[in-house]
Every structure is written in structure tokens, then in C-alpha cells.
Amino acid sequence: MSQIDNITSVDTSGANIVVKTTRRVSGANQAQTFTFSKDDVAAFGLAKLIANVDVNLVANVPSTATSAGMTGDIAIVAGFLYVCVATNTWRRVALTTF
């Protein structure tokens, strides 16, 4: 499995979490899109997400949107999923029932 070089966007507006990424393959950038059910992410504590994407599950939950982090870092606590989309740039998603 290839390492993701950059998470370009995370869309949580619909029923799924859609993560768009880029990675280097044979010297060229290749775009990839991963779609995860919000129910799956909540129910399996990110197991499905981690199985499909090279990410770094971190123990320290960011306290602000600019807390220290590397692209691909993910943290989860108290009903929130945190994704580091660029160096020291975090996005937070509420995991709620609907």
C-alpha cells in the first residue's frame, strides 16, 4: 500500500465522510478518493478507515485548529473525529446519530 502524500479535502456534509488525497506513484501525483460511512467510522472506532488508508492514529487530540500535527494524523475522542489535512492544520467532524 502506498503512503498518502497529502489530504486535499475532507467533506462531511453528506451521509459519508469523503477524503480526497494525492500520492506519488512512479514520480507522478495520483489523486485518490476514499469514502467512509459515518456509521462505520463511529461504530468501528476508525477500524474501517485505518484498514483502507495509511494514516497515523495519534493519542494527543488537538486543542485548536492549528495544533501541531502532520498530514494524515487522525485522532478521535468524545464523539469527534480530528483529521490533520496539512502541517498544523486540523479539521474536526462531529460523529452524531441522525
Protein backbone atom coordinates (compact mmCIF):
# COMPACT_ATOMS: atom_id res chain seq x y z
CA MET A 1 0.00 0.00 0.00
CA SER A 2 1.31 3.45 -0.92
CA GLN A 3 1.75 6.28 1.53
CA ILE A 4 -0.58 9.25 1.11
CA ASP A 5 1.38 12.44 0.47
CA ASN A 6 -1.41 14.95 1.00
CA ILE A 7 -5.02 15.05 2.15
CA THR A 8 -6.54 17.67 -0.15
CA SER A 9 -10.05 17.78 1.33
CA VAL A 10 -12.40 16.18 3.82
CA ASP A 11 -16.13 16.51 3.10
CA THR A 12 -18.55 15.62 5.89
CA SER A 13 -21.67 17.34 4.54
CA GLY A 14 -23.48 14.18 3.45
CA ALA A 15 -24.06 10.73 4.92
CA ASN A 16 -20.44 9.76 4.26
CA ILE A 17 -17.01 11.13 5.04
CA VAL A 18 -15.21 11.71 1.71
CA VAL A 19 -11.43 12.10 1.92
CA LYS A 20 -9.57 13.25 -1.21
CA THR A 21 -5.83 12.63 -1.30
CA THR A 22 -2.80 12.66 -3.53
CA ARG A 23 0.20 10.33 -3.57
CA ARG A 24 3.34 9.93 -5.66
CA VAL A 25 3.38 6.90 -7.96
CA SER A 26 6.39 6.45 -10.25
CA GLY A 27 7.23 10.14 -9.94
CA ALA A 28 3.74 11.40 -10.76
CA ASN A 29 0.95 12.65 -8.50
CA GLN A 30 -2.11 10.42 -8.41
CA ALA A 31 -5.44 11.57 -6.94
CA GLN A 32 -7.45 9.16 -4.81
CA THR A 33 -10.85 9.45 -3.15
CA PHE A 34 -11.88 7.39 -0.13
CA THR A 35 -15.49 7.29 1.04
CA PHE A 36 -16.40 6.12 4.54
CA SER A 37 -19.82 5.74 6.08
CA LYS A 38 -20.18 7.94 9.16
CA ASP A 39 -21.91 4.99 10.82
CA ASP A 40 -18.94 2.72 10.09
CA VAL A 41 -16.44 5.24 11.41
CA ALA A 42 -18.42 5.74 14.61
CA ALA A 43 -19.27 2.07 15.13
CA PHE A 44 -15.83 0.64 14.50
CA GLY A 45 -13.72 3.37 16.08
CA LEU A 46 -11.94 4.15 12.78
CA ALA A 47 -11.07 0.49 12.08
CA LYS A 48 -12.51 0.66 8.58
CA LEU A 49 -10.76 3.96 7.88
CA ILE A 50 -7.38 2.68 9.07
CA ALA A 51 -7.73 -0.53 7.05
CA ASN A 52 -8.15 1.42 3.80
CA VAL A 53 -5.78 4.37 4.21
CA ASP A 54 -2.26 4.81 5.56
CA VAL A 55 -2.89 7.19 8.43
CA ASN A 56 -1.30 7.94 11.77
CA LEU A 57 -3.70 7.44 14.67
CA VAL A 58 -2.40 9.81 17.34
CA ALA A 59 -3.03 9.85 21.08
CA ASN A 60 -2.96 13.62 21.52
CA VAL A 61 -6.20 15.28 20.47
CA PRO A 62 -5.60 18.76 19.03
CA SER A 63 -6.84 21.61 21.23
CA THR A 64 -7.10 24.09 18.33
CA ALA A 65 -7.30 24.01 14.53
CA THR A 66 -3.61 24.99 14.40
CA SER A 67 -2.25 22.48 16.94
CA ALA A 68 0.89 20.56 15.98
CA GLY A 69 0.23 17.74 13.54
CA MET A 70 1.38 16.11 10.33
CA THR A 71 -0.76 15.45 7.26
CA GLY A 72 -2.58 12.15 7.76
CA ASP A 73 -2.71 12.31 11.57
CA ILE A 74 -6.11 11.29 12.93
CA ALA A 75 -7.46 11.47 16.47
CA ILE A 76 -10.84 10.55 17.92
CA VAL A 77 -12.37 11.40 21.28
CA ALA A 78 -15.77 12.13 22.81
CA GLY A 79 -17.74 11.94 19.58
CA PHE A 80 -15.32 13.89 17.37
CA LEU A 81 -13.02 12.78 14.55
CA TYR A 82 -9.99 15.02 14.00
CA VAL A 83 -8.05 14.91 10.71
CA CYS A 84 -4.82 16.80 10.08
CA VAL A 85 -5.17 17.96 6.44
CA ALA A 86 -1.83 19.82 6.25
CA THR A 87 1.01 20.51 8.66
CA ASN A 88 -0.55 22.02 11.81
CA THR A 89 -3.98 22.31 10.13
CA TRP A 90 -6.79 20.25 11.68
CA ARG A 91 -10.43 19.67 10.76
CA ARG A 92 -12.96 18.31 13.24
CA VAL A 93 -16.07 16.26 12.46
CA ALA A 94 -18.86 15.62 14.95
CA LEU A 95 -19.95 11.98 14.98
CA THR A 96 -23.66 12.11 15.70
CA THR A 97 -26.71 10.00 15.13
CA PHE A 98 -29.23 11.14 12.58
